[in-house]
Amino acid sequence: MYSATDAPKRNYQGLTYGDGNSSSSSGEFGGTWAISLSGGYDVPTGNLGTTFKAAPTFSFSVLRNYGDFTFNTTIGYVSYKPKMDTFYFYGNDPTQGYVQYGNFSSLEIYAGAAYNVQVADNAKIYFGANIGTYYSFFSYTSNDGMGDISTSNTTESQSYIAPKIGVDFMVSDNLSLGVEAKYNFMMSSDSGTGDAYDSGYSTTVNKSFSGNVALTYHF
């Protein structure tokens, strides 16, 4: 006699994590490869958020599912625009000095890992972290109010780490749609001038929060 309990579960390849089940104890080297396109918004916080506003962010990832884990290699891009065209040192008086900022743009290259928890036949949640490097480009022009105008163009690499959490739904045998949240930390060091007032290293930490939607193809 047929009953609903006899119906086979659909095998969503993107949720099998490599060895055909959600357990990593088999020790077999298998796995599902995937590629993913992601887009969303990145909201700068702290000192970075004082000057710059939220911006679209985009990334491309190569994924490897193995056991209960998913590993990613990712390249991404974000470009923050300044909140105002001109920041005056005193009120709105240009004779007291001002600074004009260009966009703060970053090319992101990083790797990451996440632990998967299957919550339904076609859905999983995951949490993990990314680590890598941001290559940032930044420029500004300043006027000290005394007629001295200077322009600075800065290119620097920043160490990057970000905890992340997300949810992924299979929408077909090979396609999944996911939502991910990350809190990003970008750190750069300055060795100082070496004089009596600035003799040591200092570290600048930029922070942002990002939310992304990802379309992933599993094969």
N, C-alpha and C. Protein backbone atom coordinates (compact mmCIF):
# COMPACT_ATOMS: atom_id res chain seq x y z
N MET A 1 0.86 -1.19 0.00
CA MET A 1 0.00 0.00 0.00
C MET A 1 0.89 1.24 0.00
N TYR A 2 0.57 2.20 -0.78
CA TYR A 2 1.33 3.45 -0.87
C TYR A 2 0.83 4.43 0.19
N SER A 3 1.76 5.11 0.81
CA SER A 3 1.39 6.18 1.74
C SER A 3 2.34 7.34 1.51
N ALA A 4 2.00 8.50 2.08
CA ALA A 4 2.83 9.70 1.90
C ALA A 4 4.22 9.50 2.47
N THR A 5 4.33 8.63 3.49
CA THR A 5 5.64 8.42 4.10
C THR A 5 6.56 7.63 3.21
N ASP A 6 6.02 6.99 2.16
CA ASP A 6 6.86 6.22 1.25
C ASP A 6 7.47 7.06 0.15
N ALA A 7 7.04 8.32 0.02
CA ALA A 7 7.52 9.16 -1.07
C ALA A 7 8.99 9.49 -0.85
N PRO A 8 9.83 9.29 -1.84
CA PRO A 8 11.25 9.59 -1.68
C PRO A 8 11.47 11.09 -1.59
N LYS A 9 12.47 11.48 -0.78
CA LYS A 9 12.83 12.88 -0.68
C LYS A 9 13.63 13.28 -1.91
N ARG A 10 13.43 14.49 -2.35
CA ARG A 10 14.14 14.99 -3.51
C ARG A 10 15.58 15.29 -3.11
N ASN A 11 16.52 14.89 -3.93
CA ASN A 11 17.93 15.09 -3.63
C ASN A 11 18.40 16.40 -4.24
N TYR A 12 18.54 17.40 -3.41
CA TYR A 12 19.06 18.68 -3.87
C TYR A 12 20.57 18.62 -3.77
N GLN A 13 21.26 18.63 -4.90
CA GLN A 13 22.69 18.43 -4.93
C GLN A 13 23.43 19.48 -4.13
N GLY A 14 22.94 20.71 -4.12
CA GLY A 14 23.64 21.78 -3.43
C GLY A 14 23.62 21.66 -1.93
N LEU A 15 22.79 20.77 -1.37
CA LEU A 15 22.70 20.63 0.07
C LEU A 15 23.28 19.31 0.58
N THR A 16 23.94 18.56 -0.27
CA THR A 16 24.47 17.27 0.17
C THR A 16 25.85 17.37 0.78
N TYR A 17 26.50 18.53 0.65
CA TYR A 17 27.79 18.80 1.29
C TYR A 17 28.85 17.78 0.94
N GLY A 18 28.82 17.19 -0.22
CA GLY A 18 29.95 16.40 -0.68
C GLY A 18 29.75 14.92 -0.67
N ASP A 19 29.34 14.31 0.46
CA ASP A 19 29.30 12.86 0.52
C ASP A 19 27.89 12.30 0.46
N GLY A 20 26.92 13.13 0.07
CA GLY A 20 25.57 12.65 -0.13
C GLY A 20 24.68 12.72 1.09
N ASN A 21 25.22 13.20 2.23
CA ASN A 21 24.40 13.39 3.42
C ASN A 21 24.97 14.54 4.21
N SER A 22 24.33 14.87 5.32
CA SER A 22 24.73 16.03 6.08
C SER A 22 25.77 15.71 7.14
N SER A 23 26.32 14.53 7.12
CA SER A 23 27.33 14.16 8.11
C SER A 23 28.71 14.25 7.50
N SER A 24 29.68 14.76 8.27
CA SER A 24 31.05 14.87 7.79
C SER A 24 31.89 13.72 8.30
N SER A 25 31.31 12.68 8.88
CA SER A 25 32.06 11.61 9.51
C SER A 25 32.52 10.54 8.54
N SER A 26 32.09 10.59 7.29
CA SER A 26 32.44 9.54 6.35
C SER A 26 33.91 9.56 5.98
N GLY A 27 34.53 10.76 6.03
CA GLY A 27 35.93 10.89 5.70
C GLY A 27 36.23 10.76 4.22
N GLU A 28 35.23 10.61 3.37
CA GLU A 28 35.46 10.48 1.95
C GLU A 28 35.71 11.85 1.34
N PHE A 29 36.63 11.92 0.40
CA PHE A 29 36.84 13.17 -0.31
C PHE A 29 35.94 13.19 -1.51
N GLY A 30 34.88 13.93 -1.39
CA GLY A 30 33.96 14.11 -2.50
C GLY A 30 33.69 15.59 -2.62
N GLY A 31 32.46 15.96 -2.86
CA GLY A 31 32.15 17.36 -2.75
C GLY A 31 31.45 17.90 -3.96
N THR A 32 30.79 19.00 -3.76
CA THR A 32 30.06 19.71 -4.80
C THR A 32 30.72 21.05 -5.02
N TRP A 33 31.07 21.32 -6.25
CA TRP A 33 31.57 22.64 -6.61
C TRP A 33 30.40 23.55 -6.96
N ALA A 34 30.62 24.87 -6.83
CA ALA A 34 29.58 25.82 -7.18
C ALA A 34 30.23 27.16 -7.51
N ILE A 35 29.51 27.97 -8.27
CA ILE A 35 29.89 29.36 -8.50
C ILE A 35 28.73 30.24 -8.08
N SER A 36 29.05 31.43 -7.58
CA SER A 36 28.01 32.26 -6.99
C SER A 36 28.22 33.72 -7.36
N LEU A 37 27.14 34.41 -7.71
CA LEU A 37 27.12 35.85 -7.92
C LEU A 37 26.32 36.49 -6.80
N SER A 38 26.88 37.54 -6.22
CA SER A 38 26.25 38.17 -5.06
C SER A 38 26.18 39.67 -5.24
N GLY A 39 25.09 40.26 -4.77
CA GLY A 39 24.93 41.70 -4.78
C GLY A 39 24.17 42.16 -3.55
N GLY A 40 24.48 43.35 -3.07
CA GLY A 40 23.79 43.85 -1.90
C GLY A 40 24.21 45.26 -1.56
N TYR A 41 24.08 45.60 -0.27
CA TYR A 41 24.45 46.93 0.19
C TYR A 41 25.42 46.81 1.35
N ASP A 42 26.41 47.71 1.35
CA ASP A 42 27.42 47.77 2.40
C ASP A 42 27.28 49.10 3.11
N VAL A 43 27.11 49.06 4.44
CA VAL A 43 26.87 50.26 5.24
C VAL A 43 28.09 50.52 6.12
N PRO A 44 28.89 51.55 5.83
CA PRO A 44 30.05 51.83 6.68
C PRO A 44 29.62 52.31 8.06
N THR A 45 30.38 51.94 9.07
CA THR A 45 30.09 52.36 10.44
C THR A 45 31.34 53.02 11.03
N GLY A 46 31.22 53.53 12.26
CA GLY A 46 32.36 54.14 12.93
C GLY A 46 32.87 55.35 12.17
N ASN A 47 34.21 55.54 12.16
CA ASN A 47 34.81 56.69 11.50
C ASN A 47 34.53 56.69 10.00
N LEU A 48 34.51 55.51 9.39
CA LEU A 48 34.23 55.42 7.96
C LEU A 48 32.81 55.89 7.65
N GLY A 49 31.88 55.55 8.53
CA GLY A 49 30.49 55.94 8.34
C GLY A 49 30.24 57.41 8.58
N THR A 50 31.15 58.10 9.26
CA THR A 50 31.01 59.54 9.47
C THR A 50 31.12 60.31 8.17
N THR A 51 31.99 59.83 7.28
CA THR A 51 32.27 60.54 6.04
C THR A 51 31.56 59.95 4.83
N PHE A 52 31.36 58.62 4.80
CA PHE A 52 30.87 57.97 3.60
C PHE A 52 29.52 57.30 3.85
N LYS A 53 28.73 57.20 2.77
CA LYS A 53 27.40 56.61 2.87
C LYS A 53 27.37 55.21 2.30
N ALA A 54 26.27 54.51 2.53
CA ALA A 54 26.13 53.12 2.08
C ALA A 54 26.24 53.04 0.56
N ALA A 55 26.72 51.87 0.10
CA ALA A 55 26.97 51.71 -1.33
C ALA A 55 26.65 50.29 -1.77
N PRO A 56 26.33 50.10 -3.05
CA PRO A 56 26.16 48.73 -3.57
C PRO A 56 27.49 47.98 -3.51
N THR A 57 27.40 46.68 -3.31
CA THR A 57 28.58 45.82 -3.30
C THR A 57 28.30 44.58 -4.14
N PHE A 58 29.32 44.09 -4.82
CA PHE A 58 29.18 42.95 -5.73
C PHE A 58 30.33 41.99 -5.53
N SER A 59 30.07 40.70 -5.75
CA SER A 59 31.15 39.72 -5.60
C SER A 59 30.87 38.49 -6.46
N PHE A 60 31.96 37.76 -6.74
CA PHE A 60 31.91 36.49 -7.45
C PHE A 60 32.71 35.48 -6.64
N SER A 61 32.13 34.30 -6.41
CA SER A 61 32.76 33.28 -5.57
C SER A 61 32.81 31.94 -6.27
N VAL A 62 33.87 31.20 -5.96
CA VAL A 62 33.95 29.77 -6.27
C VAL A 62 33.82 29.02 -4.96
N LEU A 63 32.88 28.08 -4.87
CA LEU A 63 32.57 27.39 -3.63
C LEU A 63 32.91 25.90 -3.73
N ARG A 64 33.25 25.33 -2.59
CA ARG A 64 33.49 23.89 -2.50
C ARG A 64 32.79 23.37 -1.24
N ASN A 65 31.81 22.49 -1.41
CA ASN A 65 31.14 21.84 -0.29
C ASN A 65 31.90 20.57 0.06
N TYR A 66 32.21 20.40 1.35
CA TYR A 66 32.89 19.18 1.80
C TYR A 66 32.44 18.87 3.22
N GLY A 67 31.86 17.69 3.40
CA GLY A 67 31.29 17.39 4.71
C GLY A 67 30.21 18.38 5.04
N ASP A 68 30.22 18.88 6.25
CA ASP A 68 29.25 19.89 6.67
C ASP A 68 29.74 21.31 6.42
N PHE A 69 30.84 21.46 5.69
CA PHE A 69 31.45 22.77 5.51
C PHE A 69 31.39 23.21 4.06
N THR A 70 31.36 24.54 3.88
CA THR A 70 31.49 25.15 2.57
C THR A 70 32.66 26.13 2.60
N PHE A 71 33.57 25.99 1.64
CA PHE A 71 34.73 26.87 1.53
C PHE A 71 34.56 27.76 0.31
N ASN A 72 34.96 29.01 0.43
CA ASN A 72 34.80 29.97 -0.66
C ASN A 72 36.08 30.72 -0.95
N THR A 73 36.27 31.03 -2.22
CA THR A 73 37.28 31.99 -2.68
C THR A 73 36.53 33.06 -3.43
N THR A 74 36.75 34.33 -3.05
CA THR A 74 35.86 35.40 -3.50
C THR A 74 36.64 36.63 -3.95
N ILE A 75 36.14 37.28 -4.99
CA ILE A 75 36.61 38.60 -5.38
C ILE A 75 35.39 39.52 -5.41
N GLY A 76 35.53 40.72 -4.82
CA GLY A 76 34.39 41.63 -4.72
C GLY A 76 34.81 43.07 -4.90
N TYR A 77 33.83 43.97 -4.89
CA TYR A 77 34.09 45.39 -5.12
C TYR A 77 33.03 46.22 -4.42
N VAL A 78 33.48 47.33 -3.82
CA VAL A 78 32.56 48.30 -3.24
C VAL A 78 33.18 49.69 -3.41
N SER A 79 32.35 50.71 -3.60
CA SER A 79 32.83 52.08 -3.73
C SER A 79 31.88 53.01 -2.99
N TYR A 80 32.34 53.55 -1.84
CA TYR A 80 31.52 54.46 -1.04
C TYR A 80 31.64 55.89 -1.57
N LYS A 81 30.53 56.58 -1.65
CA LYS A 81 30.54 57.99 -1.99
C LYS A 81 30.49 58.84 -0.72
N PRO A 82 31.12 60.02 -0.73
CA PRO A 82 31.07 60.88 0.46
C PRO A 82 29.66 61.39 0.71
N LYS A 83 29.35 61.63 1.98
CA LYS A 83 28.01 62.10 2.34
C LYS A 83 27.77 63.53 1.87
N MET A 84 28.84 64.34 1.78
CA MET A 84 28.73 65.71 1.29
C MET A 84 29.87 65.97 0.32
N ASP A 85 29.63 66.88 -0.64
CA ASP A 85 30.68 67.24 -1.60
C ASP A 85 31.85 67.93 -0.92
N THR A 86 31.53 68.77 0.07
CA THR A 86 32.56 69.55 0.75
C THR A 86 32.31 69.55 2.25
N PHE A 87 33.35 69.29 3.03
CA PHE A 87 33.29 69.37 4.48
C PHE A 87 34.07 70.60 4.92
N TYR A 88 33.38 71.57 5.52
CA TYR A 88 34.02 72.80 5.95
C TYR A 88 34.55 72.64 7.38
N PHE A 89 35.70 73.25 7.63
CA PHE A 89 36.29 73.16 8.96
C PHE A 89 35.51 73.97 9.99
N TYR A 90 34.86 75.05 9.54
CA TYR A 90 34.10 75.89 10.47
C TYR A 90 32.85 76.39 9.77
N GLY A 91 31.68 75.89 10.22
CA GLY A 91 30.42 76.31 9.63
C GLY A 91 30.39 76.00 8.14
N ASN A 92 29.96 76.99 7.34
CA ASN A 92 29.98 76.87 5.89
C ASN A 92 30.88 77.92 5.26
N ASP A 93 31.91 78.30 6.01
CA ASP A 93 32.80 79.36 5.58
C ASP A 93 34.03 78.77 4.89
N PRO A 94 34.15 78.88 3.56
CA PRO A 94 35.29 78.30 2.86
C PRO A 94 36.61 78.98 3.21
N THR A 95 36.56 80.21 3.72
CA THR A 95 37.80 80.91 4.08
C THR A 95 38.45 80.32 5.32
N GLN A 96 37.71 79.47 6.06
CA GLN A 96 38.26 78.83 7.24
C GLN A 96 38.84 77.44 6.93
N GLY A 97 38.77 77.07 5.67
CA GLY A 97 39.32 75.78 5.27
C GLY A 97 38.24 74.75 5.01
N TYR A 98 38.56 73.81 4.16
CA TYR A 98 37.61 72.75 3.83
C TYR A 98 38.36 71.56 3.23
N VAL A 99 37.66 70.44 3.13
CA VAL A 99 38.21 69.25 2.49
C VAL A 99 37.14 68.65 1.59
N GLN A 100 37.56 68.19 0.43
CA GLN A 100 36.67 67.53 -0.52
C GLN A 100 37.16 66.11 -0.75
N TYR A 101 36.28 65.14 -0.50
CA TYR A 101 36.65 63.72 -0.61
C TYR A 101 36.17 63.14 -1.93
N GLY A 102 36.98 62.24 -2.50
CA GLY A 102 36.53 61.41 -3.59
C GLY A 102 35.93 60.12 -3.05
N ASN A 103 35.59 59.20 -3.93
CA ASN A 103 35.05 57.92 -3.49
C ASN A 103 36.12 57.10 -2.78
N PHE A 104 35.69 56.28 -1.84
CA PHE A 104 36.55 55.31 -1.17
C PHE A 104 36.21 53.94 -1.75
N SER A 105 37.08 53.43 -2.63
CA SER A 105 36.79 52.20 -3.37
C SER A 105 37.71 51.08 -2.93
N SER A 106 37.19 49.87 -2.90
CA SER A 106 37.97 48.71 -2.47
C SER A 106 37.74 47.52 -3.38
N LEU A 107 38.84 46.90 -3.79
CA LEU A 107 38.82 45.60 -4.46
C LEU A 107 39.08 44.56 -3.39
N GLU A 108 38.18 43.58 -3.27
CA GLU A 108 38.23 42.63 -2.16
C GLU A 108 38.64 41.25 -2.68
N ILE A 109 39.66 40.67 -2.05
CA ILE A 109 40.08 39.31 -2.38
C ILE A 109 40.21 38.54 -1.07
N TYR A 110 39.42 37.46 -0.92
CA TYR A 110 39.44 36.76 0.36
C TYR A 110 38.95 35.33 0.21
N ALA A 111 39.20 34.55 1.24
CA ALA A 111 38.72 33.17 1.33
C ALA A 111 37.93 33.03 2.61
N GLY A 112 37.11 31.98 2.68
CA GLY A 112 36.29 31.80 3.87
C GLY A 112 35.82 30.38 4.03
N ALA A 113 35.21 30.13 5.18
CA ALA A 113 34.64 28.81 5.49
C ALA A 113 33.37 29.02 6.29
N ALA A 114 32.43 28.09 6.13
CA ALA A 114 31.16 28.16 6.86
C ALA A 114 30.72 26.75 7.23
N TYR A 115 30.07 26.65 8.38
CA TYR A 115 29.49 25.39 8.84
C TYR A 115 28.00 25.39 8.53
N ASN A 116 27.53 24.33 7.86
CA ASN A 116 26.14 24.25 7.39
C ASN A 116 25.27 23.43 8.34
N VAL A 117 24.05 23.90 8.54
CA VAL A 117 23.04 23.16 9.30
C VAL A 117 21.80 23.05 8.43
N GLN A 118 21.45 21.84 8.00
CA GLN A 118 20.28 21.65 7.16
C GLN A 118 19.03 21.72 8.01
N VAL A 119 18.11 22.62 7.65
CA VAL A 119 16.90 22.82 8.43
C VAL A 119 15.66 22.32 7.71
N ALA A 120 15.79 21.99 6.42
CA ALA A 120 14.69 21.43 5.63
C ALA A 120 15.30 20.72 4.45
N ASP A 121 14.46 19.99 3.71
CA ASP A 121 14.96 19.25 2.57
C ASP A 121 15.62 20.16 1.54
N ASN A 122 15.18 21.41 1.45
CA ASN A 122 15.72 22.32 0.45
C ASN A 122 16.30 23.59 1.06
N ALA A 123 16.65 23.57 2.34
CA ALA A 123 17.14 24.79 2.99
C ALA A 123 18.20 24.48 4.02
N LYS A 124 19.14 25.43 4.17
CA LYS A 124 20.18 25.32 5.19
C LYS A 124 20.47 26.71 5.74
N ILE A 125 20.96 26.75 6.96
CA ILE A 125 21.55 27.95 7.51
C ILE A 125 23.02 27.68 7.71
N TYR A 126 23.82 28.74 7.77
CA TYR A 126 25.26 28.54 7.95
C TYR A 126 25.86 29.74 8.68
N PHE A 127 27.02 29.50 9.28
CA PHE A 127 27.77 30.59 9.91
C PHE A 127 29.25 30.29 9.77
N GLY A 128 30.05 31.34 9.69
CA GLY A 128 31.47 31.16 9.49
C GLY A 128 32.19 32.48 9.46
N ALA A 129 33.29 32.56 8.69
CA ALA A 129 34.09 33.78 8.63
C ALA A 129 34.86 33.83 7.32
N ASN A 130 35.19 35.06 6.91
CA ASN A 130 36.06 35.30 5.76
C ASN A 130 37.35 35.96 6.24
N ILE A 131 38.43 35.76 5.51
CA ILE A 131 39.70 36.42 5.82
C ILE A 131 40.43 36.69 4.51
N GLY A 132 41.06 37.85 4.40
CA GLY A 132 41.76 38.18 3.16
C GLY A 132 42.29 39.59 3.17
N THR A 133 42.22 40.27 2.01
CA THR A 133 42.82 41.59 1.84
C THR A 133 41.89 42.49 1.04
N TYR A 134 41.78 43.74 1.46
CA TYR A 134 41.13 44.79 0.68
C TYR A 134 42.21 45.68 0.09
N TYR A 135 42.12 45.97 -1.20
CA TYR A 135 43.00 46.94 -1.84
C TYR A 135 42.17 48.20 -2.07
N SER A 136 42.47 49.25 -1.30
CA SER A 136 41.60 50.43 -1.25
C SER A 136 42.25 51.63 -1.94
N PHE A 137 41.39 52.43 -2.59
CA PHE A 137 41.82 53.61 -3.34
C PHE A 137 41.02 54.81 -2.82
N PHE A 138 41.74 55.90 -2.50
CA PHE A 138 41.10 57.01 -1.82
C PHE A 138 41.82 58.30 -2.18
N SER A 139 41.06 59.38 -2.39
CA SER A 139 41.66 60.67 -2.69
C SER A 139 40.88 61.79 -2.01
N TYR A 140 41.57 62.90 -1.75
CA TYR A 140 40.90 64.08 -1.21
C TYR A 140 41.72 65.31 -1.54
N THR A 141 41.05 66.47 -1.54
CA THR A 141 41.68 67.77 -1.72
C THR A 141 41.33 68.64 -0.53
N SER A 142 42.33 69.28 0.06
CA SER A 142 42.10 70.11 1.24
C SER A 142 42.60 71.53 1.00
N ASN A 143 41.93 72.47 1.64
CA ASN A 143 42.31 73.88 1.64
C ASN A 143 42.36 74.34 3.08
N ASP A 144 43.51 74.84 3.52
CA ASP A 144 43.65 75.21 4.94
C ASP A 144 43.09 76.58 5.26
N GLY A 145 42.49 77.26 4.29
CA GLY A 145 41.91 78.58 4.51
C GLY A 145 42.91 79.70 4.31
N MET A 146 44.17 79.36 4.15
CA MET A 146 45.23 80.35 3.94
C MET A 146 45.74 80.32 2.50
N GLY A 147 45.01 79.60 1.65
CA GLY A 147 45.41 79.52 0.26
C GLY A 147 46.27 78.33 -0.09
N ASP A 148 46.59 77.50 0.89
CA ASP A 148 47.42 76.32 0.65
C ASP A 148 46.50 75.14 0.32
N ILE A 149 46.51 74.70 -0.94
CA ILE A 149 45.67 73.61 -1.40
C ILE A 149 46.54 72.39 -1.67
N SER A 150 46.12 71.24 -1.14
CA SER A 150 46.88 70.01 -1.36
C SER A 150 45.94 68.89 -1.76
N THR A 151 46.44 67.98 -2.60
CA THR A 151 45.68 66.83 -3.06
C THR A 151 46.43 65.56 -2.71
N SER A 152 45.71 64.58 -2.19
CA SER A 152 46.31 63.31 -1.81
C SER A 152 45.58 62.17 -2.49
N ASN A 153 46.35 61.25 -3.07
CA ASN A 153 45.81 60.02 -3.64
C ASN A 153 46.48 58.85 -2.93
N THR A 154 45.68 58.02 -2.31
CA THR A 154 46.21 56.95 -1.48
C THR A 154 45.74 55.59 -1.98
N THR A 155 46.68 54.67 -2.09
CA THR A 155 46.38 53.28 -2.38
C THR A 155 47.00 52.44 -1.28
N GLU A 156 46.21 51.62 -0.62
CA GLU A 156 46.73 50.81 0.47
C GLU A 156 46.04 49.46 0.51
N SER A 157 46.74 48.50 1.10
CA SER A 157 46.14 47.18 1.33
C SER A 157 45.75 47.09 2.79
N GLN A 158 44.60 46.52 3.04
CA GLN A 158 44.07 46.38 4.39
C GLN A 158 43.76 44.91 4.67
N SER A 159 44.20 44.43 5.81
CA SER A 159 43.83 43.08 6.22
C SER A 159 42.34 43.05 6.51
N TYR A 160 41.71 41.94 6.17
CA TYR A 160 40.24 41.86 6.24
C TYR A 160 39.81 40.59 6.95
N ILE A 161 38.84 40.73 7.85
CA ILE A 161 38.20 39.58 8.48
C ILE A 161 36.73 39.92 8.71
N ALA A 162 35.86 38.91 8.55
CA ALA A 162 34.42 39.18 8.69
C ALA A 162 33.69 37.94 9.15
N PRO A 163 33.04 37.96 10.31
CA PRO A 163 32.10 36.89 10.64
C PRO A 163 30.87 37.01 9.76
N LYS A 164 30.24 35.86 9.46
CA LYS A 164 29.10 35.88 8.55
C LYS A 164 28.07 34.85 8.98
N ILE A 165 26.82 35.10 8.60
CA ILE A 165 25.73 34.16 8.84
C ILE A 165 24.77 34.28 7.67
N GLY A 166 24.16 33.15 7.27
CA GLY A 166 23.27 33.22 6.13
C GLY A 166 22.31 32.06 6.06
N VAL A 167 21.44 32.12 5.07
CA VAL A 167 20.48 31.05 4.81
C VAL A 167 20.45 30.84 3.30
N ASP A 168 20.29 29.57 2.87
CA ASP A 168 20.33 29.22 1.46
C ASP A 168 19.18 28.28 1.14
N PHE A 169 18.46 28.57 0.05
CA PHE A 169 17.32 27.76 -0.38
C PHE A 169 17.57 27.24 -1.79
N MET A 170 17.38 25.93 -2.00
CA MET A 170 17.44 25.38 -3.34
C MET A 170 16.13 25.71 -4.06
N VAL A 171 16.24 26.31 -5.24
CA VAL A 171 15.05 26.64 -6.02
C VAL A 171 14.90 25.72 -7.22
N SER A 172 15.94 24.93 -7.51
CA SER A 172 15.87 23.88 -8.52
C SER A 172 16.95 22.87 -8.17
N ASP A 173 17.15 21.88 -9.03
CA ASP A 173 18.16 20.86 -8.73
C ASP A 173 19.56 21.43 -8.63
N ASN A 174 19.85 22.52 -9.33
CA ASN A 174 21.20 23.06 -9.36
C ASN A 174 21.33 24.51 -8.93
N LEU A 175 20.20 25.20 -8.73
CA LEU A 175 20.25 26.61 -8.38
C LEU A 175 19.78 26.83 -6.95
N SER A 176 20.49 27.70 -6.24
CA SER A 176 20.04 28.09 -4.91
C SER A 176 20.07 29.60 -4.79
N LEU A 177 19.22 30.11 -3.91
CA LEU A 177 19.12 31.54 -3.63
C LEU A 177 19.39 31.74 -2.14
N GLY A 178 20.30 32.64 -1.82
CA GLY A 178 20.68 32.82 -0.43
C GLY A 178 20.71 34.27 -0.01
N VAL A 179 20.65 34.47 1.31
CA VAL A 179 20.77 35.78 1.92
C VAL A 179 21.86 35.68 2.99
N GLU A 180 22.79 36.63 2.98
CA GLU A 180 23.92 36.59 3.91
C GLU A 180 24.16 37.95 4.54
N ALA A 181 24.54 37.95 5.82
CA ALA A 181 24.92 39.17 6.53
C ALA A 181 26.35 39.01 7.03
N LYS A 182 27.14 40.09 6.91
CA LYS A 182 28.53 40.08 7.35
C LYS A 182 28.82 41.36 8.13
N TYR A 183 29.73 41.25 9.11
CA TYR A 183 30.27 42.45 9.76
C TYR A 183 31.75 42.50 9.42
N ASN A 184 32.15 43.52 8.67
CA ASN A 184 33.48 43.59 8.07
C ASN A 184 34.44 44.44 8.88
N PHE A 185 35.64 43.93 9.08
CA PHE A 185 36.71 44.67 9.73
C PHE A 185 37.88 44.78 8.75
N MET A 186 38.29 46.02 8.40
CA MET A 186 39.41 46.27 7.51
C MET A 186 40.49 47.01 8.29
N MET A 187 41.67 46.42 8.40
CA MET A 187 42.72 46.95 9.27
C MET A 187 43.98 47.28 8.48
N SER A 188 44.53 48.48 8.72
CA SER A 188 45.80 48.88 8.10
C SER A 188 46.69 49.46 9.19
N SER A 189 48.01 49.29 9.01
CA SER A 189 48.98 49.74 10.01
C SER A 189 49.85 50.85 9.45
N ASP A 190 50.25 51.77 10.32
CA ASP A 190 51.13 52.88 9.98
C ASP A 190 52.32 52.84 10.94
N SER A 191 53.52 52.85 10.39
CA SER A 191 54.71 52.75 11.23
C SER A 191 55.07 54.04 11.92
N GLY A 192 54.37 55.13 11.60
CA GLY A 192 54.64 56.40 12.26
C GLY A 192 55.82 57.12 11.63
N THR A 193 56.14 58.31 12.17
CA THR A 193 57.22 59.13 11.61
C THR A 193 58.56 58.85 12.26
N GLY A 194 58.52 58.18 13.40
CA GLY A 194 59.77 57.88 14.08
C GLY A 194 60.27 58.98 14.98
N ASP A 195 59.54 60.12 15.11
CA ASP A 195 60.01 61.19 15.99
C ASP A 195 59.52 60.95 17.40
N ALA A 196 59.80 61.88 18.28
CA ALA A 196 59.49 61.70 19.70
C ALA A 196 58.01 61.64 19.97
N TYR A 197 57.22 62.21 19.05
CA TYR A 197 55.78 62.26 19.27
C TYR A 197 55.04 61.13 18.55
N ASP A 198 55.71 60.46 17.65
CA ASP A 198 55.06 59.42 16.86
C ASP A 198 56.09 58.34 16.55
N SER A 199 56.39 57.53 17.55
CA SER A 199 57.52 56.60 17.42
C SER A 199 57.10 55.16 17.19
N GLY A 200 55.80 54.86 17.27
CA GLY A 200 55.39 53.47 17.18
C GLY A 200 54.40 53.22 16.08
N TYR A 201 53.90 51.99 16.05
CA TYR A 201 52.91 51.60 15.06
C TYR A 201 51.52 52.02 15.52
N SER A 202 50.70 52.39 14.55
CA SER A 202 49.29 52.64 14.82
C SER A 202 48.46 51.84 13.85
N THR A 203 47.29 51.46 14.26
CA THR A 203 46.41 50.64 13.43
C THR A 203 45.09 51.36 13.22
N THR A 204 44.69 51.46 11.96
CA THR A 204 43.39 52.02 11.61
C THR A 204 42.45 50.87 11.28
N VAL A 205 41.28 50.88 11.91
CA VAL A 205 40.29 49.83 11.68
C VAL A 205 39.03 50.47 11.10
N ASN A 206 38.70 50.13 9.87
CA ASN A 206 37.45 50.54 9.26
C ASN A 206 36.44 49.40 9.38
N LYS A 207 35.19 49.75 9.62
CA LYS A 207 34.16 48.74 9.83
C LYS A 207 32.96 49.01 8.93
N SER A 208 32.27 47.94 8.57
CA SER A 208 31.03 48.09 7.82
C SER A 208 30.17 46.86 8.03
N PHE A 209 28.88 47.03 7.78
CA PHE A 209 27.93 45.92 7.82
C PHE A 209 27.38 45.75 6.41
N SER A 210 27.31 44.51 5.93
CA SER A 210 26.79 44.29 4.58
C SER A 210 25.75 43.18 4.58
N GLY A 211 24.74 43.37 3.76
CA GLY A 211 23.72 42.36 3.50
C GLY A 211 23.69 42.05 2.02
N ASN A 212 23.70 40.76 1.68
CA ASN A 212 23.82 40.37 0.27
C ASN A 212 22.80 39.29 -0.09
N VAL A 213 22.41 39.28 -1.35
CA VAL A 213 21.61 38.21 -1.93
C VAL A 213 22.48 37.50 -2.96
N ALA A 214 22.54 36.17 -2.92
CA ALA A 214 23.42 35.41 -3.80
C ALA A 214 22.64 34.37 -4.60
N LEU A 215 22.98 34.27 -5.86
CA LEU A 215 22.46 33.24 -6.75
C LEU A 215 23.62 32.27 -7.03
N THR A 216 23.43 31.00 -6.71
CA THR A 216 24.51 30.02 -6.78
C THR A 216 24.11 28.86 -7.69
N TYR A 217 25.06 28.50 -8.57
CA TYR A 217 24.87 27.33 -9.43
C TYR A 217 25.77 26.20 -8.96
N HIS A 218 25.20 25.06 -8.65
CA HIS A 218 25.93 23.89 -8.13
C HIS A 218 26.14 22.87 -9.25
N PHE A 219 27.33 22.29 -9.31
CA PHE A 219 27.60 21.28 -10.34
C PHE A 219 28.57 20.22 -9.83
